[in-house]
Protein backbone atom coordinates (compact mmCIF):
# COMPACT_ATOMS: atom_id res chain seq x y z
CA UNK A 1 -25.30 100.55 104.33
CA UNK A 2 -25.88 103.31 107.08
CA UNK A 3 -23.10 101.86 109.23
CA UNK A 4 -20.74 101.49 106.25
CA UNK A 5 -21.36 105.20 105.40
CA UNK A 6 -21.06 106.62 108.58
CA UNK A 7 -18.28 104.32 110.06
CA UNK A 8 -20.19 104.74 113.37
CA UNK A 9 -23.00 102.93 115.08
CA UNK A 10 -24.65 105.77 117.00
CA UNK A 11 -24.58 107.96 113.83
CA UNK A 12 -26.07 105.26 111.78
CA UNK A 13 -28.61 104.62 114.43
CA UNK A 14 -29.74 108.25 114.72
CA UNK A 15 -30.04 108.43 110.81
CA UNK A 16 -32.28 105.23 110.66
CA UNK A 17 -34.32 106.22 113.86
CA UNK A 18 -33.67 102.96 115.81
CA UNK A 19 -31.62 102.29 119.09
CA UNK A 20 -27.83 101.71 118.78
CA UNK A 21 -28.15 98.28 120.34
CA UNK A 22 -31.06 97.24 118.23
CA UNK A 23 -28.57 98.38 115.10
CA UNK A 24 -25.80 96.55 116.85
CA UNK A 25 -27.87 93.36 116.95
CA UNK A 26 -29.02 93.59 113.48
CA UNK A 27 -25.42 93.81 112.12
CA UNK A 28 -24.31 90.92 114.28
CA UNK A 29 -27.29 88.70 113.14
CA UNK A 30 -26.39 89.59 109.49
CA UNK A 31 -22.45 88.69 110.14
CA UNK A 32 -23.79 85.30 111.58
CA UNK A 33 -26.09 84.72 108.76
CA UNK A 34 -23.20 85.45 106.30
CA UNK A 35 -20.52 83.48 108.33
CA UNK A 36 -18.11 86.37 108.38
CA UNK A 37 -17.47 89.77 109.94
CA UNK A 38 -18.50 92.60 107.99
CA UNK A 39 -16.81 95.48 110.27
CA UNK A 40 -13.79 95.80 112.37
CA UNK A 41 -14.63 97.64 115.67
CA UNK A 42 -12.07 100.39 116.70
CA UNK A 43 -13.39 102.05 119.71
CA UNK A 44 -16.49 103.90 119.03
CA UNK A 45 -15.90 103.72 115.21
CA UNK A 46 -15.99 100.82 112.77
CA UNK A 47 -14.57 100.29 109.44
CA UNK A 48 -15.54 97.59 106.73
CA UNK A 49 -13.54 94.32 106.41
CA UNK A 50 -12.51 93.12 102.96
CA UNK A 51 -15.61 90.93 103.09
CA UNK A 52 -17.71 94.09 104.16
CA UNK A 53 -16.36 95.91 101.27
CA UNK A 54 -17.20 93.29 98.79
CA UNK A 55 -20.77 92.75 100.42
CA UNK A 56 -21.70 96.60 100.32
CA UNK A 57 -21.48 96.60 96.51
CA UNK A 58 -24.10 93.77 96.38
CA UNK A 59 -26.25 95.58 99.03
CA UNK A 60 -26.00 98.79 96.92
CA UNK A 61 -27.03 97.17 93.95
CA UNK A 62 -30.03 95.36 95.80
CA UNK A 63 -31.36 98.66 97.00
CA UNK A 64 -31.01 100.24 93.52
CA UNK A 65 -32.92 97.42 92.10
CA UNK A 66 -35.62 97.73 94.92
CA UNK A 67 -35.85 101.53 94.25
CA UNK A 68 -36.22 100.89 90.40
CA UNK A 69 -38.93 98.38 91.36
CA UNK A 70 -40.72 101.02 93.40
CA UNK A 71 -40.38 103.47 90.64
CA UNK A 72 -42.02 101.03 88.08
CA UNK A 73 -44.89 100.41 90.35
CA UNK A 74 -45.50 104.16 90.10
CA UNK A 75 -45.87 103.88 86.42
CA UNK A 76 -49.41 102.33 87.13
CA UNK A 77 -50.59 105.68 88.75
CA UNK A 78 -52.16 108.17 86.57
CA UNK A 79 -50.12 110.65 88.51
CA UNK A 80 -46.50 110.82 87.59
CA UNK A 81 -44.41 110.37 90.87
CA UNK A 82 -41.22 108.72 92.18
CA UNK A 83 -37.52 109.56 92.21
CA UNK A 84 -35.31 110.32 89.06
CA UNK A 85 -31.63 110.29 89.56
CA UNK A 86 -29.46 111.91 86.85
CA UNK A 87 -25.66 112.26 86.63
CA UNK A 88 -24.13 115.36 84.68
CA UNK A 89 -20.48 116.32 83.97
CA UNK A 90 -19.72 119.57 85.37
CA UNK A 91 -18.82 121.42 82.33
CA UNK A 92 -22.35 120.83 80.95
CA UNK A 93 -24.31 121.11 84.14
CA UNK A 94 -23.17 124.64 84.55
CA UNK A 95 -25.10 125.86 81.26
CA UNK A 96 -27.46 123.26 80.24
CA UNK A 97 -29.59 121.70 83.16
CA UNK A 98 -30.88 124.64 85.09
CA UNK A 99 -33.72 125.58 83.05
CA UNK A 100 -34.51 121.97 82.35
CA UNK A 101 -34.66 121.22 86.19
CA UNK A 102 -36.82 124.45 86.80
CA UNK A 103 -39.21 123.33 84.12
CA UNK A 104 -39.27 119.61 85.20
CA UNK A 105 -39.86 120.23 88.90
CA UNK A 106 -42.59 122.75 88.01
CA UNK A 107 -44.52 120.38 85.87
CA UNK A 108 -43.94 117.10 88.07
CA UNK A 109 -44.00 118.13 91.77
CA UNK A 110 -44.50 114.74 92.70
CA UNK A 111 -41.26 113.46 91.34
CA UNK A 112 -38.00 113.94 93.36
CA UNK A 113 -35.45 114.99 90.92
CA UNK A 114 -31.80 114.32 92.18
CA UNK A 115 -29.11 115.74 90.02
CA UNK A 116 -25.49 114.62 90.40
CA UNK A 117 -22.56 116.38 89.27
CA UNK A 118 -20.03 113.70 88.45
CA UNK A 119 -17.11 112.75 86.38
CA UNK A 120 -17.71 110.95 82.83
CA UNK A 121 -16.23 107.76 84.56
CA UNK A 122 -18.46 107.97 87.67
CA UNK A 123 -21.50 108.48 85.34
CA UNK A 124 -20.71 105.27 83.40
CA UNK A 125 -20.14 103.37 86.54
CA UNK A 126 -23.63 104.86 88.09
CA UNK A 127 -25.52 103.69 85.06
CA UNK A 128 -24.07 100.26 85.03
CA UNK A 129 -24.64 99.74 88.78
CA UNK A 130 -28.35 101.17 88.60
CA UNK A 131 -27.61 104.22 90.91
CA UNK A 132 -28.26 106.64 88.12
CA UNK A 133 -31.15 106.66 85.85
CA UNK A 134 -29.88 108.85 83.20
CA UNK A 135 -26.34 110.42 82.37
CA UNK A 136 -25.42 113.60 80.42
CA UNK A 137 -21.80 113.21 79.49
CA UNK A 138 -19.47 112.40 76.64
CA UNK A 139 -19.27 109.38 74.15
CA UNK A 140 -18.69 106.45 76.51
CA UNK A 141 -15.52 104.44 76.69
CA UNK A 142 -14.81 101.52 74.36
CA UNK A 143 -16.33 98.30 75.16
CA UNK A 144 -19.25 100.00 77.19
CA UNK A 145 -22.68 98.62 76.51
CA UNK A 146 -24.62 101.92 77.43
CA UNK A 147 -26.87 103.35 75.12
CA UNK A 148 -25.61 106.51 73.66
CA UNK A 149 -27.60 109.38 71.75
CA UNK A 150 -25.83 112.57 70.74
CA UNK A 151 -27.19 115.78 71.59
CA UNK A 152 -24.97 118.47 70.21
CA UNK A 153 -21.19 119.15 69.57
CA UNK A 154 -19.34 121.26 72.33
CA UNK A 155 -16.61 123.54 71.30
CA UNK A 156 -13.81 124.72 73.71
CA UNK A 157 -12.72 128.44 73.55
CA UNK A 158 -9.91 130.47 74.86
CA UNK A 159 -10.86 132.87 77.72
CA UNK A 160 -8.86 135.92 78.56
CA UNK A 161 -9.00 138.81 80.66
CA UNK A 162 -9.94 141.97 78.90
CA UNK A 163 -6.61 143.39 79.72
CA UNK A 164 -4.62 140.42 78.26
CA UNK A 165 -2.44 140.87 75.17
CA UNK A 166 -4.83 138.62 73.18
CA UNK A 167 -8.02 140.18 74.15
CA UNK A 168 -8.63 141.87 70.71
CA UNK A 169 -8.22 138.83 68.74
CA UNK A 170 -11.22 136.79 67.34
CA UNK A 171 -9.18 133.58 66.90
CA UNK A 172 -5.82 132.17 67.65
CA UNK A 173 -3.92 129.15 66.28
CA UNK A 174 -3.02 126.55 68.91
CA UNK A 175 0.60 126.48 67.95
CA UNK A 176 0.63 130.31 68.93
CA UNK A 177 -0.01 129.46 72.55
CA UNK A 178 3.19 127.78 73.40
CA UNK A 179 4.57 130.37 75.48
CA UNK A 180 1.12 131.16 77.35
CA UNK A 181 0.64 129.55 80.80
CA UNK A 182 -2.96 128.49 81.85
CA UNK A 183 -5.36 127.89 84.59
CA UNK A 184 -7.30 124.42 83.76
CA UNK A 185 -9.34 122.02 85.11
CA UNK A 186 -7.30 118.94 86.78
CA UNK A 187 -6.35 115.92 84.82
CA UNK A 188 -9.38 113.95 86.36
CA UNK A 189 -11.56 115.84 83.93
CA UNK A 190 -12.15 115.05 80.22
CA UNK A 191 -11.94 118.66 79.43
CA UNK A 192 -8.25 118.73 80.52
CA UNK A 193 -7.57 115.65 78.55
CA UNK A 194 -9.17 117.14 75.38
CA UNK A 195 -7.08 120.28 75.78
CA UNK A 196 -3.92 118.33 76.15
CA UNK A 197 -4.48 116.17 73.07
CA UNK A 198 -5.50 119.29 71.04
CA UNK A 199 -2.09 120.88 72.15
CA UNK A 200 -0.12 117.79 71.15
CA UNK A 201 -1.76 117.53 67.70
CA UNK A 202 -0.53 121.34 67.26
CA UNK A 203 2.91 120.08 68.57
CA UNK A 204 2.90 122.81 71.15
CA UNK A 205 3.54 122.59 74.88
CA UNK A 206 0.56 123.15 77.17
CA UNK A 207 1.86 125.08 80.11
CA UNK A 208 -0.22 125.01 83.15
CA UNK A 209 0.10 127.59 86.11
CA UNK A 210 -2.73 126.63 87.96
CA UNK A 211 -5.23 123.73 88.34
CA UNK A 212 -8.73 124.01 89.90
CA UNK A 213 -11.81 121.55 89.87
CA UNK A 214 -14.55 123.81 89.07
CA UNK A 215 -15.61 125.94 86.04
CA UNK A 216 -16.68 128.80 88.29
CA UNK A 217 -13.31 128.82 89.97
CA UNK A 218 -11.63 128.88 86.71
CA UNK A 219 -13.64 131.89 85.25
CA UNK A 220 -13.16 133.51 88.72
CA UNK A 221 -9.33 133.40 88.70
CA UNK A 222 -9.12 134.76 85.00
CA UNK A 223 -11.73 137.41 85.58
CA UNK A 224 -9.33 138.66 88.52
CA UNK A 225 -6.51 139.01 86.13
CA UNK A 226 -5.19 135.55 86.39
CA UNK A 227 -4.08 133.27 83.65
CA UNK A 228 -6.28 132.51 80.54
CA UNK A 229 -8.46 129.19 80.71
CA UNK A 230 -10.06 127.13 78.11
CA UNK A 231 -13.70 126.10 78.57
CA UNK A 232 -16.84 125.11 76.64
CA UNK A 233 -18.21 128.19 74.64
CA UNK A 234 -21.96 127.54 75.90
CA UNK A 235 -20.80 127.70 79.40
CA UNK A 236 -19.16 131.06 79.40
CA UNK A 237 -21.07 133.34 77.14
CA UNK A 238 -22.35 135.43 80.04
CA UNK A 239 -18.96 136.09 81.64
CA UNK A 240 -17.14 139.12 81.41
CA UNK A 241 -14.03 137.56 79.71
CA UNK A 242 -13.02 137.83 76.20
CA UNK A 243 -13.79 134.63 74.00
CA UNK A 244 -11.26 133.63 71.46
CA UNK A 245 -11.72 130.68 69.08
CA UNK A 246 -9.23 128.07 69.02
CA UNK A 247 -7.98 126.92 65.43
CA UNK A 248 -5.70 124.33 64.00
CA UNK A 249 -7.06 122.35 65.68
CA UNK A 250 -10.26 123.58 67.18
CA UNK A 251 -11.21 121.32 70.26
CA UNK A 252 -14.67 119.85 69.93
CA UNK A 253 -16.53 116.89 71.55
CA UNK A 254 -19.99 115.19 71.46
CA UNK A 255 -22.39 115.82 74.32
CA UNK A 256 -24.41 112.78 74.84
CA UNK A 257 -27.41 111.32 76.35
CA UNK A 258 -26.35 107.87 78.31
CA UNK A 259 -28.73 105.14 79.38
CA UNK A 260 -28.36 101.58 80.53
CA UNK A 261 -29.33 98.92 78.43
CA UNK A 262 -32.77 96.90 79.21
CA UNK A 263 -33.99 99.76 81.73
CA UNK A 264 -37.44 99.51 82.63
CA UNK A 265 -39.86 102.01 81.27
CA UNK A 266 -39.91 104.94 83.53
CA UNK A 267 -42.10 108.02 82.44
CA UNK A 268 -40.34 110.58 84.73
CA UNK A 269 -37.24 109.63 82.83
CA UNK A 270 -38.87 110.03 79.50
CA UNK A 271 -40.29 113.57 80.29
CA UNK A 272 -36.83 114.65 81.42
CA UNK A 273 -35.31 113.27 78.24
CA UNK A 274 -38.09 115.23 76.28
CA UNK A 275 -36.92 118.36 77.77
CA UNK A 276 -33.37 117.74 77.52
CA UNK A 277 -33.83 117.00 73.70
CA UNK A 278 -35.71 120.11 73.33
CA UNK A 279 -33.13 122.24 75.29
CA UNK A 280 -30.29 120.65 72.99
CA UNK A 281 -31.60 121.73 69.62
């Protein structure tokens, strides 16, 4: 896995604190055992073969299972310890998790809490493969076997600069925004897809002037006098922008707690969930 991630034997060896010849021999032994080359050597760098790419997924899965086993053994201790990996979608991570993380690490100093800001699709995949212990995202895709628990409803609002023509408004209909140009998250985000669906329902064009890949970037652009943006209300209430409610329709979605089916009991996960549920009320 180290060689696959670094694409370089020397860098991988330094990361693993072993000599480069030792690591090279280990890879050769593994390739001999499997009966197929895993890497193509190209000068000082290497890249995965098709067989290597396939085998990497099994290796990753095996390491995840071993790590889960270690966490389960820690459950026998009176002291809570181990590692907890949580995936959170960006729009929720900016406002929901900071206080939970601060509280958790203060109460459980022997648990390494690893937070990853990921897309909804990446969170579902991470839970399915075992690389994530918990996910905070949206309702999973159809056919998913993940366990889903609704936390709260999230409403998206229009954000404009105080000098914008709509700044004095408390609410606005979506079909009154056909001539407006927006600064929005890219189409890789569920938030963007929800906004476009909302405009389609209102039979109104959604004109985009700029696309960014972060909530903080969108807020900064609009605060600088740029185009309006549309973001979750809970994540923008501390900004200097004017918040306007969208109506007919009002874009809303469920924020959910996602877990894989059949997970082994993990006290660290349950303690984190307990704080998450409390913060969501």
